[in-house]
């Protein structure tokens, strides 16, 4: 299966999860506002799909010979996105999100399998193939935010479930050891956050073996804080 098919499938699966996430909210709660510090469900979806909308525009700019836009500080952009959508109704956000997501899929199809292999589609790819960012990072961005909504409300099991799905589904994008190391690293973070220490340590060990470049970041990653005192964690860095 080529990368175009895989990326489109991932994006379609992401939208199915977003739809389910929105539809799970009781109708009487859909009008309740969120805050920038604590997003409502519609705020989460508006955030995800605005970034997808911007990505689609940048893909088309690249294809037409234009210059993709660097949106600068993501925190400032996220605040702008929140304010852009926070007063909209649940239905308005849903309609916008559905259109934006389909627009991204159309842009990816326009880019094609050959374009997804290129490392110059977007200036900030730093020579990595486009599918890693457009497929992997975009898909991961969706599931991380869906999971964080539940995590912030004390539902760690739901959070872990989203991250496990993220890793299981994105693993199929490529067999390259570096990519598989990234997937296992994300899974280790999910299990560390949910208190599954032994499983997290085993996955982290495999991840660093497959992608040693993750080692430096793993030493400071807050998601792995619960592992710091474990002898097996310390041995990863004292006995490489």
C-alpha atoms as a PDB file:
ATOM      1  CA  UNK A   1       0.000   0.000   0.000  1.00  0.00           C
ATOM      2  CA  UNK A   2       1.441   3.394  -0.970  1.00  0.00           C
ATOM      3  CA  UNK A   3       1.831   6.324   1.403  1.00  0.00           C
ATOM      4  CA  UNK A   4      -0.994   8.282  -0.210  1.00  0.00           C
ATOM      5  CA  UNK A   5      -3.491   5.545   0.575  1.00  0.00           C
ATOM      6  CA  UNK A   6      -2.143   5.137   4.102  1.00  0.00           C
ATOM      7  CA  UNK A   7      -2.202   8.875   4.858  1.00  0.00           C
ATOM      8  CA  UNK A   8      -5.739   9.332   3.523  1.00  0.00           C
ATOM      9  CA  UNK A   9      -6.925   6.354   5.572  1.00  0.00           C
ATOM     10  CA  UNK A  10      -5.378   7.837   8.715  1.00  0.00           C
ATOM     11  CA  UNK A  11      -6.985  11.225   8.091  1.00  0.00           C
ATOM     12  CA  UNK A  12     -10.364   9.586   7.527  1.00  0.00           C
ATOM     13  CA  UNK A  13      -9.997   7.600  10.752  1.00  0.00           C
ATOM     14  CA  UNK A  14      -9.066  10.788  12.596  1.00  0.00           C
ATOM     15  CA  UNK A  15     -12.243  12.482  11.402  1.00  0.00           C
ATOM     16  CA  UNK A  16     -14.372   9.514  12.474  1.00  0.00           C
ATOM     17  CA  UNK A  17     -12.896   9.847  15.976  1.00  0.00           C
ATOM     18  CA  UNK A  18     -13.498  13.597  15.994  1.00  0.00           C
ATOM     19  CA  UNK A  19     -17.123  13.087  14.985  1.00  0.00           C
ATOM     20  CA  UNK A  20     -17.616  10.505  17.710  1.00  0.00           C
ATOM     21  CA  UNK A  21     -15.950  12.837  20.220  1.00  0.00           C
ATOM     22  CA  UNK A  22     -18.401  15.605  19.347  1.00  0.00           C
ATOM     23  CA  UNK A  23     -21.473  13.389  19.181  1.00  0.00           C
ATOM     24  CA  UNK A  24     -20.737  11.918  22.627  1.00  0.00           C
ATOM     25  CA  UNK A  25     -21.514  15.282  24.194  1.00  0.00           C
ATOM     26  CA  UNK A  26     -25.146  15.545  25.363  1.00  0.00           C
ATOM     27  CA  UNK A  27     -27.130  18.075  23.339  1.00  0.00           C
ATOM     28  CA  UNK A  28     -27.922  20.160  26.422  1.00  0.00           C
ATOM     29  CA  UNK A  29     -24.192  20.669  27.091  1.00  0.00           C
ATOM     30  CA  UNK A  30     -23.145  21.657  23.558  1.00  0.00           C
ATOM     31  CA  UNK A  31     -23.722  25.343  24.128  1.00  0.00           C
ATOM     32  CA  UNK A  32     -21.550  25.546  27.242  1.00  0.00           C
ATOM     33  CA  UNK A  33     -18.515  27.766  26.611  1.00  0.00           C
ATOM     34  CA  UNK A  34     -14.930  26.791  27.246  1.00  0.00           C
ATOM     35  CA  UNK A  35     -11.959  28.923  28.186  1.00  0.00           C
ATOM     36  CA  UNK A  36      -8.502  29.092  26.657  1.00  0.00           C
ATOM     37  CA  UNK A  37      -7.204  27.238  29.723  1.00  0.00           C
ATOM     38  CA  UNK A  38      -9.952  24.589  29.590  1.00  0.00           C
ATOM     39  CA  UNK A  39     -11.348  23.969  26.138  1.00  0.00           C
ATOM     40  CA  UNK A  40     -14.831  22.648  25.465  1.00  0.00           C
ATOM     41  CA  UNK A  41     -15.266  19.794  22.992  1.00  0.00           C
ATOM     42  CA  UNK A  42     -16.064  22.188  20.176  1.00  0.00           C
ATOM     43  CA  UNK A  43     -12.968  24.246  21.065  1.00  0.00           C
ATOM     44  CA  UNK A  44     -10.831  21.109  20.693  1.00  0.00           C
ATOM     45  CA  UNK A  45     -12.276  20.302  17.273  1.00  0.00           C
ATOM     46  CA  UNK A  46     -12.023  23.913  16.096  1.00  0.00           C
ATOM     47  CA  UNK A  47      -8.357  23.941  17.094  1.00  0.00           C
ATOM     48  CA  UNK A  48      -7.538  20.676  15.314  1.00  0.00           C
ATOM     49  CA  UNK A  49      -9.354  21.544  12.123  1.00  0.00           C
ATOM     50  CA  UNK A  50      -8.097  25.118  11.866  1.00  0.00           C
ATOM     51  CA  UNK A  51      -4.555  23.764  11.847  1.00  0.00           C
ATOM     52  CA  UNK A  52      -5.668  21.226   9.220  1.00  0.00           C
ATOM     53  CA  UNK A  53      -7.169  24.077   7.208  1.00  0.00           C
ATOM     54  CA  UNK A  54      -3.891  25.983   7.377  1.00  0.00           C
ATOM     55  CA  UNK A  55      -1.973  22.872   6.356  1.00  0.00           C
ATOM     56  CA  UNK A  56      -4.210  22.348   3.320  1.00  0.00           C
ATOM     57  CA  UNK A  57      -3.622  25.965   2.265  1.00  0.00           C
ATOM     58  CA  UNK A  58       0.137  25.504   2.603  1.00  0.00           C
ATOM     59  CA  UNK A  59       0.119  22.296   0.558  1.00  0.00           C
ATOM     60  CA  UNK A  60      -1.740  24.075  -2.233  1.00  0.00           C
ATOM     61  CA  UNK A  61       0.600  27.067  -2.022  1.00  0.00           C
ATOM     62  CA  UNK A  62       3.576  24.746  -2.437  1.00  0.00           C
ATOM     63  CA  UNK A  63       1.981  22.946  -5.382  1.00  0.00           C
ATOM     64  CA  UNK A  64       1.229  26.223  -7.158  1.00  0.00           C
ATOM     65  CA  UNK A  65       4.740  27.585  -6.702  1.00  0.00           C
ATOM     66  CA  UNK A  66       3.787  29.936  -3.886  1.00  0.00           C
ATOM     67  CA  UNK A  67       5.358  30.274  -0.449  1.00  0.00           C
ATOM     68  CA  UNK A  68       3.823  28.332   2.452  1.00  0.00           C
ATOM     69  CA  UNK A  69       3.097  30.487   5.498  1.00  0.00           C
ATOM     70  CA  UNK A  70       5.007  30.017   8.744  1.00  0.00           C
ATOM     71  CA  UNK A  71       2.447  30.896  11.427  1.00  0.00           C
ATOM     72  CA  UNK A  72       5.060  31.770  14.033  1.00  0.00           C
ATOM     73  CA  UNK A  73       4.681  31.128  17.732  1.00  0.00           C
ATOM     74  CA  UNK A  74       2.167  28.254  18.037  1.00  0.00           C
ATOM     75  CA  UNK A  75       0.953  29.468  21.437  1.00  0.00           C
ATOM     76  CA  UNK A  76       0.022  32.844  19.990  1.00  0.00           C
ATOM     77  CA  UNK A  77      -1.629  31.165  17.016  1.00  0.00           C
ATOM     78  CA  UNK A  78      -3.561  28.818  19.296  1.00  0.00           C
ATOM     79  CA  UNK A  79      -4.910  31.798  21.231  1.00  0.00           C
ATOM     80  CA  UNK A  80      -5.945  33.428  17.972  1.00  0.00           C
ATOM     81  CA  UNK A  81      -7.666  30.218  16.842  1.00  0.00           C
ATOM     82  CA  UNK A  82      -9.537  29.915  20.131  1.00  0.00           C
ATOM     83  CA  UNK A  83     -10.845  33.466  19.873  1.00  0.00           C
ATOM     84  CA  UNK A  84     -11.794  32.913  16.238  1.00  0.00           C
ATOM     85  CA  UNK A  85     -14.177  30.061  17.070  1.00  0.00           C
ATOM     86  CA  UNK A  86     -15.146  30.244  20.757  1.00  0.00           C
ATOM     87  CA  UNK A  87     -18.375  32.197  20.175  1.00  0.00           C
ATOM     88  CA  UNK A  88     -19.579  29.875  17.408  1.00  0.00           C
ATOM     89  CA  UNK A  89     -22.299  27.342  18.027  1.00  0.00           C
ATOM     90  CA  UNK A  90     -21.635  23.609  18.216  1.00  0.00           C
ATOM     91  CA  UNK A  91     -23.233  23.184  14.770  1.00  0.00           C
ATOM     92  CA  UNK A  92     -21.190  25.988  13.229  1.00  0.00           C
ATOM     93  CA  UNK A  93     -17.973  24.419  14.502  1.00  0.00           C
ATOM     94  CA  UNK A  94     -19.056  20.986  13.275  1.00  0.00           C
ATOM     95  CA  UNK A  95     -19.841  22.312   9.796  1.00  0.00           C
ATOM     96  CA  UNK A  96     -16.543  24.195   9.611  1.00  0.00           C
ATOM     97  CA  UNK A  97     -14.573  21.182  10.846  1.00  0.00           C
ATOM     98  CA  UNK A  98     -16.159  18.788   8.366  1.00  0.00           C
ATOM     99  CA  UNK A  99     -15.367  21.126   5.475  1.00  0.00           C
ATOM    100  CA  UNK A 100     -11.800  21.789   6.655  1.00  0.00           C
ATOM    101  CA  UNK A 101     -11.044  18.109   7.107  1.00  0.00           C
ATOM    102  CA  UNK A 102     -12.314  17.195   3.655  1.00  0.00           C
ATOM    103  CA  UNK A 103     -10.318  20.080   2.213  1.00  0.00           C
ATOM    104  CA  UNK A 104      -7.142  18.654   3.757  1.00  0.00           C
ATOM    105  CA  UNK A 105      -7.843  15.203   2.324  1.00  0.00           C
ATOM    106  CA  UNK A 106      -8.430  16.763  -1.117  1.00  0.00           C
ATOM    107  CA  UNK A 107      -5.134  18.685  -0.852  1.00  0.00           C
ATOM    108  CA  UNK A 108      -3.259  15.522   0.119  1.00  0.00           C
ATOM    109  CA  UNK A 109      -4.748  13.667  -2.845  1.00  0.00           C
ATOM    110  CA  UNK A 110      -3.683  16.551  -5.076  1.00  0.00           C
ATOM    111  CA  UNK A 111      -0.153  16.270  -3.666  1.00  0.00           C
ATOM    112  CA  UNK A 112      -0.120  12.559  -4.509  1.00  0.00           C
ATOM    113  CA  UNK A 113       2.154   9.746  -3.494  1.00  0.00           C
ATOM    114  CA  UNK A 114       5.196  11.282  -5.188  1.00  0.00           C
ATOM    115  CA  UNK A 115       4.682  14.574  -3.401  1.00  0.00           C
ATOM    116  CA  UNK A 116       4.391  12.815  -0.041  1.00  0.00           C
ATOM    117  CA  UNK A 117       7.900  11.425  -0.507  1.00  0.00           C
ATOM    118  CA  UNK A 118       9.421  14.869  -0.997  1.00  0.00           C
ATOM    119  CA  UNK A 119      11.178  16.724   1.796  1.00  0.00           C
ATOM    120  CA  UNK A 120      10.664  20.192   0.327  1.00  0.00           C
ATOM    121  CA  UNK A 121       6.880  20.435   0.196  1.00  0.00           C
ATOM    122  CA  UNK A 122       6.954  22.564   3.343  1.00  0.00           C
ATOM    123  CA  UNK A 123      10.070  24.560   4.292  1.00  0.00           C
ATOM    124  CA  UNK A 124      10.123  23.306   7.882  1.00  0.00           C
ATOM    125  CA  UNK A 125      10.187  19.591   7.022  1.00  0.00           C
ATOM    126  CA  UNK A 126      14.007  19.647   7.158  1.00  0.00           C
ATOM    127  CA  UNK A 127      14.226  17.056   4.374  1.00  0.00           C
ATOM    128  CA  UNK A 128      11.989  14.499   6.105  1.00  0.00           C
ATOM    129  CA  UNK A 129       9.391  13.032   3.739  1.00  0.00           C
ATOM    130  CA  UNK A 130       6.109  14.894   3.632  1.00  0.00           C
ATOM    131  CA  UNK A 131       4.039  11.899   4.714  1.00  0.00           C
ATOM    132  CA  UNK A 132       5.676  11.942   8.174  1.00  0.00           C
ATOM    133  CA  UNK A 133       4.374  15.422   8.899  1.00  0.00           C
ATOM    134  CA  UNK A 134       1.186  15.457   6.839  1.00  0.00           C
ATOM    135  CA  UNK A 135       0.159  11.955   7.841  1.00  0.00           C
ATOM    136  CA  UNK A 136       1.887  11.071  11.077  1.00  0.00           C
ATOM    137  CA  UNK A 137       2.053  14.402  12.863  1.00  0.00           C
ATOM    138  CA  UNK A 138      -1.411  15.536  11.763  1.00  0.00           C
ATOM    139  CA  UNK A 139      -2.998  12.266  12.856  1.00  0.00           C
ATOM    140  CA  UNK A 140      -1.104  12.310  16.146  1.00  0.00           C
ATOM    141  CA  UNK A 141      -2.094  15.932  16.772  1.00  0.00           C
ATOM    142  CA  UNK A 142      -5.753  14.938  16.563  1.00  0.00           C
ATOM    143  CA  UNK A 143      -5.616  11.972  18.917  1.00  0.00           C
ATOM    144  CA  UNK A 144      -3.384  13.731  21.437  1.00  0.00           C
ATOM    145  CA  UNK A 145      -5.900  16.559  21.807  1.00  0.00           C
ATOM    146  CA  UNK A 146      -8.875  14.203  22.039  1.00  0.00           C
ATOM    147  CA  UNK A 147      -7.036  12.289  24.735  1.00  0.00           C
ATOM    148  CA  UNK A 148      -5.930  15.399  26.616  1.00  0.00           C
ATOM    149  CA  UNK A 149      -9.530  16.549  26.889  1.00  0.00           C
ATOM    150  CA  UNK A 150     -10.272  13.429  28.934  1.00  0.00           C
ATOM    151  CA  UNK A 151      -6.971  13.534  30.826  1.00  0.00           C
ATOM    152  CA  UNK A 152      -7.696  17.074  32.004  1.00  0.00           C
ATOM    153  CA  UNK A 153     -10.976  15.814  33.409  1.00  0.00           C
ATOM    154  CA  UNK A 154      -9.359  12.971  35.312  1.00  0.00           C
ATOM    155  CA  UNK A 155     -10.057  10.151  32.871  1.00  0.00           C
ATOM    156  CA  UNK A 156      -6.559   8.736  32.436  1.00  0.00           C
ATOM    157  CA  UNK A 157      -7.834   5.469  30.949  1.00  0.00           C
ATOM    158  CA  UNK A 158      -9.520   7.307  28.069  1.00  0.00           C
ATOM    159  CA  UNK A 159      -6.382   9.371  27.544  1.00  0.00           C
ATOM    160  CA  UNK A 160      -4.222   6.256  27.375  1.00  0.00           C
ATOM    161  CA  UNK A 161      -6.686   4.588  25.018  1.00  0.00           C
ATOM    162  CA  UNK A 162      -6.423   7.449  22.525  1.00  0.00           C
ATOM    163  CA  UNK A 163      -2.622   7.381  22.635  1.00  0.00           C
ATOM    164  CA  UNK A 164      -2.553   3.598  22.213  1.00  0.00           C
ATOM    165  CA  UNK A 165      -4.797   3.918  19.151  1.00  0.00           C
ATOM    166  CA  UNK A 166      -2.569   6.698  17.844  1.00  0.00           C
ATOM    167  CA  UNK A 167       0.509   4.497  18.067  1.00  0.00           C
ATOM    168  CA  UNK A 168      -1.120   1.344  16.748  1.00  0.00           C
ATOM    169  CA  UNK A 169      -2.576   3.063  13.684  1.00  0.00           C
ATOM    170  CA  UNK A 170       0.363   5.329  12.833  1.00  0.00           C
ATOM    171  CA  UNK A 171       2.841   2.444  13.098  1.00  0.00           C
ATOM    172  CA  UNK A 172       1.610   1.171   9.744  1.00  0.00           C
ATOM    173  CA  UNK A 173       2.815   4.261   7.902  1.00  0.00           C
ATOM    174  CA  UNK A 174       6.374   2.981   7.559  1.00  0.00           C
ATOM    175  CA  UNK A 175       8.623   0.073   8.607  1.00  0.00           C
ATOM    176  CA  UNK A 176      11.678   2.308   8.962  1.00  0.00           C
ATOM    177  CA  UNK A 177      13.335   1.763  12.387  1.00  0.00           C
ATOM    178  CA  UNK A 178      13.411   5.488  13.107  1.00  0.00           C
ATOM    179  CA  UNK A 179       9.654   5.780  12.568  1.00  0.00           C
ATOM    180  CA  UNK A 180       8.945   2.649  14.579  1.00  0.00           C
ATOM    181  CA  UNK A 181      11.135   4.067  17.366  1.00  0.00           C
ATOM    182  CA  UNK A 182       9.057   7.251  17.377  1.00  0.00           C
ATOM    183  CA  UNK A 183       5.869   5.202  17.632  1.00  0.00           C
ATOM    184  CA  UNK A 184       7.186   3.142  20.546  1.00  0.00           C
ATOM    185  CA  UNK A 185       8.421   6.277  22.287  1.00  0.00           C
ATOM    186  CA  UNK A 186       4.937   7.804  22.148  1.00  0.00           C
ATOM    187  CA  UNK A 187       3.509   4.572  23.493  1.00  0.00           C
ATOM    188  CA  UNK A 188       6.025   4.599  26.357  1.00  0.00           C
ATOM    189  CA  UNK A 189       4.923   8.130  27.235  1.00  0.00           C
ATOM    190  CA  UNK A 190       1.277   7.069  27.267  1.00  0.00           C
ATOM    191  CA  UNK A 191       1.941   4.157  29.592  1.00  0.00           C
ATOM    192  CA  UNK A 192       4.225   6.200  31.854  1.00  0.00           C
ATOM    193  CA  UNK A 193       1.460   8.771  32.275  1.00  0.00           C
ATOM    194  CA  UNK A 194      -1.086   6.087  33.090  1.00  0.00           C
ATOM    195  CA  UNK A 195       1.117   4.403  35.697  1.00  0.00           C
ATOM    196  CA  UNK A 196       2.015   1.315  33.641  1.00  0.00           C
ATOM    197  CA  UNK A 197       5.668   1.612  34.580  1.00  0.00           C
ATOM    198  CA  UNK A 198       7.077  -1.740  33.482  1.00  0.00           C
ATOM    199  CA  UNK A 199       5.406  -1.591  30.092  1.00  0.00           C
ATOM    200  CA  UNK A 200       6.593   1.985  29.608  1.00  0.00           C
ATOM    201  CA  UNK A 201      10.188   1.045  30.439  1.00  0.00           C
ATOM    202  CA  UNK A 202      10.194  -1.849  27.982  1.00  0.00           C
ATOM    203  CA  UNK A 203       8.794   0.348  25.206  1.00  0.00           C
ATOM    204  CA  UNK A 204      11.219   3.172  25.964  1.00  0.00           C
ATOM    205  CA  UNK A 205      14.159   0.763  25.819  1.00  0.00           C
ATOM    206  CA  UNK A 206      13.035  -0.501  22.403  1.00  0.00           C
ATOM    207  CA  UNK A 207      12.373   3.031  21.180  1.00  0.00           C
ATOM    208  CA  UNK A 208      15.860   4.268  22.055  1.00  0.00           C
ATOM    209  CA  UNK A 209      17.401   1.227  20.437  1.00  0.00           C
ATOM    210  CA  UNK A 210      15.519   1.893  17.194  1.00  0.00           C
ATOM    211  CA  UNK A 211      15.991   5.661  17.237  1.00  0.00           C
ATOM    212  CA  UNK A 212      18.939   6.726  19.426  1.00  0.00           C
ATOM    213  CA  UNK A 213      18.302  10.398  18.565  1.00  0.00           C
ATOM    214  CA  UNK A 214      15.382  10.308  21.008  1.00  0.00           C
ATOM    215  CA  UNK A 215      17.745   9.791  23.936  1.00  0.00           C
ATOM    216  CA  UNK A 216      18.531  13.433  24.634  1.00  0.00           C
ATOM    217  CA  UNK A 217      14.891  14.525  24.591  1.00  0.00           C
ATOM    218  CA  UNK A 218      13.787  11.556  26.686  1.00  0.00           C
ATOM    219  CA  UNK A 219      15.971  12.772  29.568  1.00  0.00           C
ATOM    220  CA  UNK A 220      13.867  15.935  29.901  1.00  0.00           C
ATOM    221  CA  UNK A 221      10.472  14.843  28.607  1.00  0.00           C
ATOM    222  CA  UNK A 222       7.890  15.553  31.338  1.00  0.00           C
ATOM    223  CA  UNK A 223       5.773  12.627  30.131  1.00  0.00           C
ATOM    224  CA  UNK A 224       8.443  10.249  31.460  1.00  0.00           C
ATOM    225  CA  UNK A 225       8.829  11.890  34.860  1.00  0.00           C
ATOM    226  CA  UNK A 226       7.296   8.918  36.696  1.00  0.00           C
ATOM    227  CA  UNK A 227      10.096   6.687  35.404  1.00  0.00           C
ATOM    228  CA  UNK A 228      13.065   8.779  36.558  1.00  0.00           C
ATOM    229  CA  UNK A 229      13.587   6.949  39.847  1.00  0.00           C
ATOM    230  CA  UNK A 230      13.426   3.469  38.317  1.00  0.00           C
ATOM    231  CA  UNK A 231      16.766   1.612  38.110  1.00  0.00           C
ATOM    232  CA  UNK A 232      15.794   0.279  34.669  1.00  0.00           C
ATOM    233  CA  UNK A 233      15.260   3.846  33.439  1.00  0.00           C
ATOM    234  CA  UNK A 234      18.608   5.015  34.810  1.00  0.00           C
ATOM    235  CA  UNK A 235      20.347   2.022  33.244  1.00  0.00           C
ATOM    236  CA  UNK A 236      19.224   3.152  29.800  1.00  0.00           C
ATOM    237  CA  UNK A 237      21.591   6.110  30.085  1.00  0.00           C
ATOM    238  CA  UNK A 238      24.404   4.695  32.235  1.00  0.00           C
ATOM    239  CA  UNK A 239      24.684   1.463  30.241  1.00  0.00           C
ATOM    240  CA  UNK A 240      23.769   2.382  26.690  1.00  0.00           C
END
